[in-house]
Amino acid sequence: MSFDVPDDRGYMESHEWASEDGGTARVGISDFAQDELGDIVFVEFPDEGEEIAHDEQLGVVESIKAVSDLYSPVSGTVTATNDELLDAPELLNDDPYGEGWLVEVDLADESGLDELLSADEYRDQVE
């Protein structure tokens, strides 16, 4: 089975991604992760203004199959949250790289971006 793995972002081995644009990163879960989880029914993530750290727990996602912790691919301050997911968590299944993003983060100096897998490295892990 082949999964969508956009080249414009970095990935964690735990299947979260980050895409950077001018010192801000958008964070989400991969197509592989949403497929493994099945139908997502609940998501929890930090509030705006909270500090998050690379490779630390970011939140929780619950599906009909399992409850899984989410880990942050970057360090910094949460500047936006995708509140649409609170009422429509299925967006994580439908569009994990678009409308299904989790949070936006103002990156810290030591953001952790350089520790993420490239798209090719991540593809090798999941295919």
N, C-alpha and C. Protein backbone atom coordinates (compact mmCIF):
# COMPACT_ATOMS: atom_id res chain seq x y z
N MET A 1 0.84 -1.18 0.00
CA MET A 1 0.00 0.00 0.00
C MET A 1 0.89 1.24 0.00
N SER A 2 0.49 2.24 -0.74
CA SER A 2 1.26 3.47 -0.84
C SER A 2 0.54 4.60 -0.10
N PHE A 3 1.33 5.39 0.63
CA PHE A 3 0.78 6.49 1.41
C PHE A 3 1.31 7.81 0.88
N ASP A 4 0.50 8.84 1.01
CA ASP A 4 0.91 10.18 0.62
C ASP A 4 1.95 10.69 1.61
N VAL A 5 3.12 11.11 1.09
CA VAL A 5 4.21 11.66 1.92
C VAL A 5 4.74 12.90 1.21
N PRO A 6 4.15 14.08 1.47
CA PRO A 6 4.62 15.29 0.80
C PRO A 6 6.09 15.58 1.12
N ASP A 7 6.80 16.08 0.10
CA ASP A 7 8.23 16.36 0.25
C ASP A 7 8.52 17.65 1.00
N ASP A 8 7.51 18.49 1.23
CA ASP A 8 7.74 19.83 1.79
C ASP A 8 7.70 19.89 3.31
N ARG A 9 7.90 18.77 3.99
CA ARG A 9 7.86 18.76 5.45
C ARG A 9 8.76 17.67 5.99
N GLY A 10 9.00 17.74 7.32
CA GLY A 10 9.79 16.72 8.00
C GLY A 10 8.87 15.84 8.83
N TYR A 11 9.35 14.62 9.12
CA TYR A 11 8.52 13.62 9.78
C TYR A 11 9.24 13.02 10.98
N MET A 12 8.45 12.59 11.96
CA MET A 12 8.97 11.86 13.09
C MET A 12 8.72 10.36 12.86
N GLU A 13 9.52 9.53 13.49
CA GLU A 13 9.30 8.09 13.39
C GLU A 13 7.93 7.71 13.96
N SER A 14 7.40 8.54 14.86
CA SER A 14 6.09 8.30 15.46
C SER A 14 4.95 8.85 14.61
N HIS A 15 5.26 9.32 13.39
CA HIS A 15 4.27 9.66 12.35
C HIS A 15 3.65 11.05 12.44
N GLU A 16 4.25 11.96 13.19
CA GLU A 16 3.83 13.35 13.15
C GLU A 16 4.70 14.08 12.12
N TRP A 17 4.19 15.19 11.59
CA TRP A 17 4.94 15.98 10.62
C TRP A 17 4.96 17.45 11.02
N ALA A 18 5.92 18.18 10.45
CA ALA A 18 6.00 19.63 10.61
C ALA A 18 6.42 20.25 9.29
N SER A 19 5.73 21.32 8.90
CA SER A 19 6.12 22.09 7.72
C SER A 19 6.41 23.51 8.19
N GLU A 20 7.57 24.04 7.79
CA GLU A 20 8.02 25.34 8.28
C GLU A 20 7.83 26.42 7.22
N ASP A 21 7.41 27.60 7.69
CA ASP A 21 7.26 28.74 6.81
C ASP A 21 7.59 29.99 7.60
N GLY A 22 8.79 30.53 7.40
CA GLY A 22 9.17 31.79 8.01
C GLY A 22 9.17 31.80 9.53
N GLY A 23 9.70 30.77 10.14
CA GLY A 23 9.81 30.74 11.60
C GLY A 23 8.59 30.18 12.31
N THR A 24 7.58 29.77 11.54
CA THR A 24 6.39 29.14 12.09
C THR A 24 6.25 27.75 11.48
N ALA A 25 5.84 26.80 12.29
CA ALA A 25 5.62 25.44 11.78
C ALA A 25 4.18 25.04 11.99
N ARG A 26 3.65 24.35 11.02
CA ARG A 26 2.34 23.72 11.13
C ARG A 26 2.60 22.25 11.41
N VAL A 27 1.83 21.66 12.32
CA VAL A 27 2.06 20.29 12.79
C VAL A 27 0.82 19.45 12.56
N GLY A 28 1.03 18.18 12.20
CA GLY A 28 -0.08 17.26 12.02
C GLY A 28 0.38 15.82 12.10
N ILE A 29 -0.50 14.90 11.70
CA ILE A 29 -0.14 13.49 11.64
C ILE A 29 -0.11 13.05 10.18
N SER A 30 0.63 11.99 9.91
CA SER A 30 0.81 11.54 8.54
C SER A 30 -0.39 10.74 8.03
N ASP A 31 -0.41 10.58 6.73
CA ASP A 31 -1.41 9.75 6.08
C ASP A 31 -1.31 8.32 6.60
N PHE A 32 -0.10 7.82 6.78
CA PHE A 32 0.09 6.48 7.33
C PHE A 32 -0.54 6.37 8.71
N ALA A 33 -0.31 7.37 9.56
CA ALA A 33 -0.84 7.35 10.93
C ALA A 33 -2.37 7.31 10.93
N GLN A 34 -2.98 8.17 10.13
CA GLN A 34 -4.45 8.20 10.13
C GLN A 34 -5.01 6.89 9.60
N ASP A 35 -4.32 6.26 8.64
CA ASP A 35 -4.78 4.99 8.10
C ASP A 35 -4.68 3.89 9.16
N GLU A 36 -3.57 3.87 9.90
CA GLU A 36 -3.39 2.87 10.95
C GLU A 36 -4.41 3.04 12.08
N LEU A 37 -4.73 4.30 12.41
CA LEU A 37 -5.66 4.57 13.49
C LEU A 37 -7.10 4.19 13.13
N GLY A 38 -7.46 4.34 11.90
CA GLY A 38 -8.86 4.15 11.51
C GLY A 38 -9.64 5.42 11.77
N ASP A 39 -10.95 5.30 11.87
CA ASP A 39 -11.82 6.48 12.02
C ASP A 39 -11.52 7.21 13.33
N ILE A 40 -11.06 8.45 13.21
CA ILE A 40 -10.70 9.26 14.37
C ILE A 40 -11.95 9.93 14.92
N VAL A 41 -12.16 9.80 16.24
CA VAL A 41 -13.38 10.31 16.86
C VAL A 41 -13.13 11.42 17.88
N PHE A 42 -11.86 11.62 18.28
CA PHE A 42 -11.55 12.64 19.29
C PHE A 42 -10.09 13.04 19.15
N VAL A 43 -9.81 14.32 19.37
CA VAL A 43 -8.43 14.80 19.36
C VAL A 43 -8.27 15.84 20.46
N GLU A 44 -7.11 15.83 21.09
CA GLU A 44 -6.79 16.80 22.14
C GLU A 44 -5.40 17.34 21.85
N PHE A 45 -5.24 18.67 21.95
CA PHE A 45 -3.95 19.30 21.70
C PHE A 45 -3.81 20.50 22.61
N PRO A 46 -2.59 21.07 22.72
CA PRO A 46 -2.38 22.19 23.64
C PRO A 46 -3.12 23.45 23.20
N ASP A 47 -3.28 24.36 24.16
CA ASP A 47 -3.92 25.65 23.89
C ASP A 47 -2.92 26.63 23.32
N GLU A 48 -3.43 27.66 22.65
CA GLU A 48 -2.58 28.75 22.19
C GLU A 48 -1.82 29.33 23.38
N GLY A 49 -0.55 29.65 23.16
CA GLY A 49 0.28 30.23 24.20
C GLY A 49 1.10 29.21 24.98
N GLU A 50 0.75 27.92 24.86
CA GLU A 50 1.50 26.88 25.57
C GLU A 50 2.83 26.62 24.88
N GLU A 51 3.84 26.32 25.69
CA GLU A 51 5.15 25.93 25.18
C GLU A 51 5.14 24.43 24.93
N ILE A 52 5.68 24.02 23.79
CA ILE A 52 5.82 22.60 23.52
C ILE A 52 7.28 22.31 23.19
N ALA A 53 7.68 21.06 23.37
CA ALA A 53 9.07 20.69 23.16
C ALA A 53 9.17 19.52 22.20
N HIS A 54 10.18 19.55 21.36
CA HIS A 54 10.44 18.48 20.40
C HIS A 54 10.49 17.14 21.11
N ASP A 55 9.76 16.17 20.57
CA ASP A 55 9.73 14.79 21.04
C ASP A 55 9.03 14.61 22.39
N GLU A 56 8.32 15.63 22.85
CA GLU A 56 7.51 15.53 24.07
C GLU A 56 6.04 15.38 23.65
N GLN A 57 5.22 14.89 24.58
CA GLN A 57 3.81 14.68 24.25
C GLN A 57 3.14 15.99 23.87
N LEU A 58 2.43 15.94 22.75
CA LEU A 58 1.72 17.10 22.21
C LEU A 58 0.23 17.02 22.49
N GLY A 59 -0.30 15.81 22.54
CA GLY A 59 -1.73 15.63 22.72
C GLY A 59 -2.10 14.18 22.59
N VAL A 60 -3.39 13.97 22.29
CA VAL A 60 -3.93 12.61 22.19
C VAL A 60 -4.89 12.56 21.02
N VAL A 61 -4.90 11.43 20.34
CA VAL A 61 -5.88 11.17 19.30
C VAL A 61 -6.54 9.83 19.62
N GLU A 62 -7.88 9.82 19.50
CA GLU A 62 -8.64 8.61 19.79
C GLU A 62 -9.39 8.20 18.54
N SER A 63 -9.28 6.92 18.24
CA SER A 63 -10.00 6.38 17.08
C SER A 63 -10.89 5.24 17.55
N ILE A 64 -11.59 4.64 16.60
CA ILE A 64 -12.42 3.50 16.97
C ILE A 64 -11.57 2.29 17.33
N LYS A 65 -10.26 2.34 16.97
CA LYS A 65 -9.34 1.24 17.25
C LYS A 65 -8.51 1.44 18.51
N ALA A 66 -8.09 2.69 18.79
CA ALA A 66 -7.09 2.91 19.83
C ALA A 66 -7.05 4.36 20.27
N VAL A 67 -6.39 4.57 21.41
CA VAL A 67 -6.03 5.92 21.87
C VAL A 67 -4.52 6.01 21.75
N SER A 68 -4.03 7.06 21.09
CA SER A 68 -2.60 7.20 20.87
C SER A 68 -2.13 8.58 21.29
N ASP A 69 -0.95 8.62 21.89
CA ASP A 69 -0.31 9.89 22.21
C ASP A 69 0.25 10.49 20.93
N LEU A 70 0.22 11.82 20.87
CA LEU A 70 0.86 12.56 19.79
C LEU A 70 2.11 13.21 20.34
N TYR A 71 3.17 13.26 19.54
CA TYR A 71 4.43 13.86 19.98
C TYR A 71 4.77 15.03 19.08
N SER A 72 5.38 16.04 19.67
CA SER A 72 5.68 17.25 18.93
C SER A 72 6.95 17.09 18.11
N PRO A 73 6.88 17.38 16.82
CA PRO A 73 8.08 17.35 15.99
C PRO A 73 8.96 18.58 16.16
N VAL A 74 8.45 19.61 16.85
CA VAL A 74 9.20 20.87 17.00
C VAL A 74 9.04 21.42 18.42
N SER A 75 9.90 22.38 18.74
CA SER A 75 9.81 23.12 20.00
C SER A 75 9.43 24.56 19.72
N GLY A 76 8.62 25.13 20.62
CA GLY A 76 8.24 26.52 20.47
C GLY A 76 6.94 26.81 21.20
N THR A 77 6.28 27.89 20.80
CA THR A 77 5.04 28.33 21.43
C THR A 77 3.88 28.15 20.46
N VAL A 78 2.83 27.53 20.91
CA VAL A 78 1.64 27.31 20.08
C VAL A 78 0.98 28.67 19.82
N THR A 79 0.84 29.00 18.53
CA THR A 79 0.24 30.29 18.16
C THR A 79 -1.15 30.13 17.55
N ALA A 80 -1.51 28.91 17.15
CA ALA A 80 -2.84 28.66 16.59
C ALA A 80 -3.17 27.18 16.77
N THR A 81 -4.47 26.91 16.95
CA THR A 81 -4.94 25.54 17.06
C THR A 81 -6.06 25.35 16.04
N ASN A 82 -6.17 24.15 15.53
CA ASN A 82 -7.21 23.85 14.55
C ASN A 82 -8.47 23.41 15.29
N ASP A 83 -9.22 24.38 15.77
CA ASP A 83 -10.41 24.09 16.57
C ASP A 83 -11.50 23.37 15.79
N GLU A 84 -11.41 23.38 14.46
CA GLU A 84 -12.38 22.63 13.66
C GLU A 84 -12.32 21.14 14.00
N LEU A 85 -11.14 20.66 14.42
CA LEU A 85 -10.99 19.24 14.75
C LEU A 85 -11.80 18.84 15.98
N LEU A 86 -12.10 19.79 16.84
CA LEU A 86 -12.86 19.47 18.05
C LEU A 86 -14.27 19.00 17.70
N ASP A 87 -14.85 19.59 16.66
CA ASP A 87 -16.18 19.20 16.21
C ASP A 87 -16.14 18.22 15.04
N ALA A 88 -15.02 18.18 14.33
CA ALA A 88 -14.91 17.32 13.14
C ALA A 88 -13.55 16.62 13.12
N PRO A 89 -13.29 15.72 14.09
CA PRO A 89 -11.98 15.06 14.14
C PRO A 89 -11.69 14.20 12.91
N GLU A 90 -12.73 13.86 12.16
CA GLU A 90 -12.55 13.08 10.95
C GLU A 90 -11.73 13.80 9.89
N LEU A 91 -11.53 15.13 10.05
CA LEU A 91 -10.65 15.86 9.14
C LEU A 91 -9.24 15.28 9.14
N LEU A 92 -8.82 14.70 10.28
CA LEU A 92 -7.51 14.05 10.34
C LEU A 92 -7.45 12.88 9.38
N ASN A 93 -8.55 12.17 9.19
CA ASN A 93 -8.60 11.07 8.22
C ASN A 93 -8.73 11.59 6.80
N ASP A 94 -9.58 12.58 6.62
CA ASP A 94 -9.91 13.06 5.28
C ASP A 94 -8.79 13.86 4.62
N ASP A 95 -8.05 14.64 5.40
CA ASP A 95 -7.06 15.57 4.82
C ASP A 95 -5.93 15.81 5.83
N PRO A 96 -5.10 14.78 6.13
CA PRO A 96 -4.10 14.92 7.19
C PRO A 96 -3.03 15.98 6.92
N TYR A 97 -2.80 16.33 5.66
CA TYR A 97 -1.76 17.33 5.34
C TYR A 97 -2.35 18.70 5.02
N GLY A 98 -3.66 18.82 5.06
CA GLY A 98 -4.32 20.08 4.74
C GLY A 98 -5.20 20.53 5.89
N GLU A 99 -6.51 20.35 5.72
CA GLU A 99 -7.47 20.80 6.72
C GLU A 99 -7.35 20.07 8.07
N GLY A 100 -6.60 18.96 8.10
CA GLY A 100 -6.46 18.18 9.33
C GLY A 100 -5.23 18.51 10.15
N TRP A 101 -4.63 19.70 9.95
CA TRP A 101 -3.49 20.08 10.78
C TRP A 101 -3.92 20.24 12.23
N LEU A 102 -2.95 20.15 13.16
CA LEU A 102 -3.27 20.22 14.60
C LEU A 102 -3.01 21.60 15.19
N VAL A 103 -1.75 22.04 15.14
CA VAL A 103 -1.37 23.31 15.74
C VAL A 103 -0.34 24.02 14.86
N GLU A 104 -0.22 25.33 15.07
CA GLU A 104 0.86 26.11 14.49
C GLU A 104 1.74 26.59 15.63
N VAL A 105 3.06 26.62 15.38
CA VAL A 105 4.03 26.87 16.44
C VAL A 105 5.03 27.92 15.99
N ASP A 106 5.24 28.93 16.85
CA ASP A 106 6.32 29.88 16.66
C ASP A 106 7.59 29.17 17.14
N LEU A 107 8.48 28.87 16.22
CA LEU A 107 9.61 28.00 16.52
C LEU A 107 10.62 28.61 17.47
N ALA A 108 11.11 27.79 18.39
CA ALA A 108 12.20 28.17 19.28
C ALA A 108 13.51 28.10 18.49
N ASP A 109 14.58 28.70 19.04
CA ASP A 109 15.88 28.66 18.38
C ASP A 109 16.33 27.23 18.11
N GLU A 110 16.17 26.37 19.08
CA GLU A 110 16.47 24.94 18.92
C GLU A 110 15.16 24.22 18.67
N SER A 111 14.65 24.33 17.46
CA SER A 111 13.28 23.89 17.16
C SER A 111 13.13 22.38 17.02
N GLY A 112 14.20 21.68 16.67
CA GLY A 112 14.10 20.25 16.42
C GLY A 112 13.85 19.91 14.97
N LEU A 113 13.65 20.90 14.11
CA LEU A 113 13.39 20.63 12.69
C LEU A 113 14.50 19.82 12.05
N ASP A 114 15.75 20.11 12.44
CA ASP A 114 16.88 19.42 11.84
C ASP A 114 16.98 17.95 12.25
N GLU A 115 16.18 17.54 13.21
CA GLU A 115 16.20 16.15 13.66
C GLU A 115 15.12 15.30 12.99
N LEU A 116 14.27 15.92 12.18
CA LEU A 116 13.18 15.18 11.54
C LEU A 116 13.66 14.40 10.33
N LEU A 117 12.93 13.35 10.00
CA LEU A 117 13.21 12.56 8.82
C LEU A 117 12.79 13.33 7.58
N SER A 118 13.54 13.16 6.50
CA SER A 118 13.11 13.70 5.22
C SER A 118 11.94 12.86 4.71
N ALA A 119 11.27 13.34 3.69
CA ALA A 119 10.16 12.59 3.10
C ALA A 119 10.65 11.23 2.61
N ASP A 120 11.82 11.17 1.97
CA ASP A 120 12.35 9.90 1.48
C ASP A 120 12.64 8.94 2.63
N GLU A 121 13.24 9.46 3.71
CA GLU A 121 13.53 8.61 4.86
C GLU A 121 12.23 8.09 5.49
N TYR A 122 11.23 8.95 5.57
CA TYR A 122 9.95 8.52 6.15
C TYR A 122 9.27 7.49 5.25
N ARG A 123 9.30 7.71 3.93
CA ARG A 123 8.72 6.75 2.99
C ARG A 123 9.35 5.37 3.19
N ASP A 124 10.68 5.33 3.35
CA ASP A 124 11.37 4.06 3.57
C ASP A 124 10.86 3.38 4.84
N GLN A 125 10.49 4.16 5.84
CA GLN A 125 10.01 3.60 7.10
C GLN A 125 8.61 2.99 6.97
N VAL A 126 7.74 3.62 6.20
CA VAL A 126 6.34 3.20 6.17
C VAL A 126 5.94 2.33 4.98
N GLU A 127 6.80 2.24 3.98
CA GLU A 127 6.42 1.43 2.81
C GLU A 127 7.16 0.12 2.79
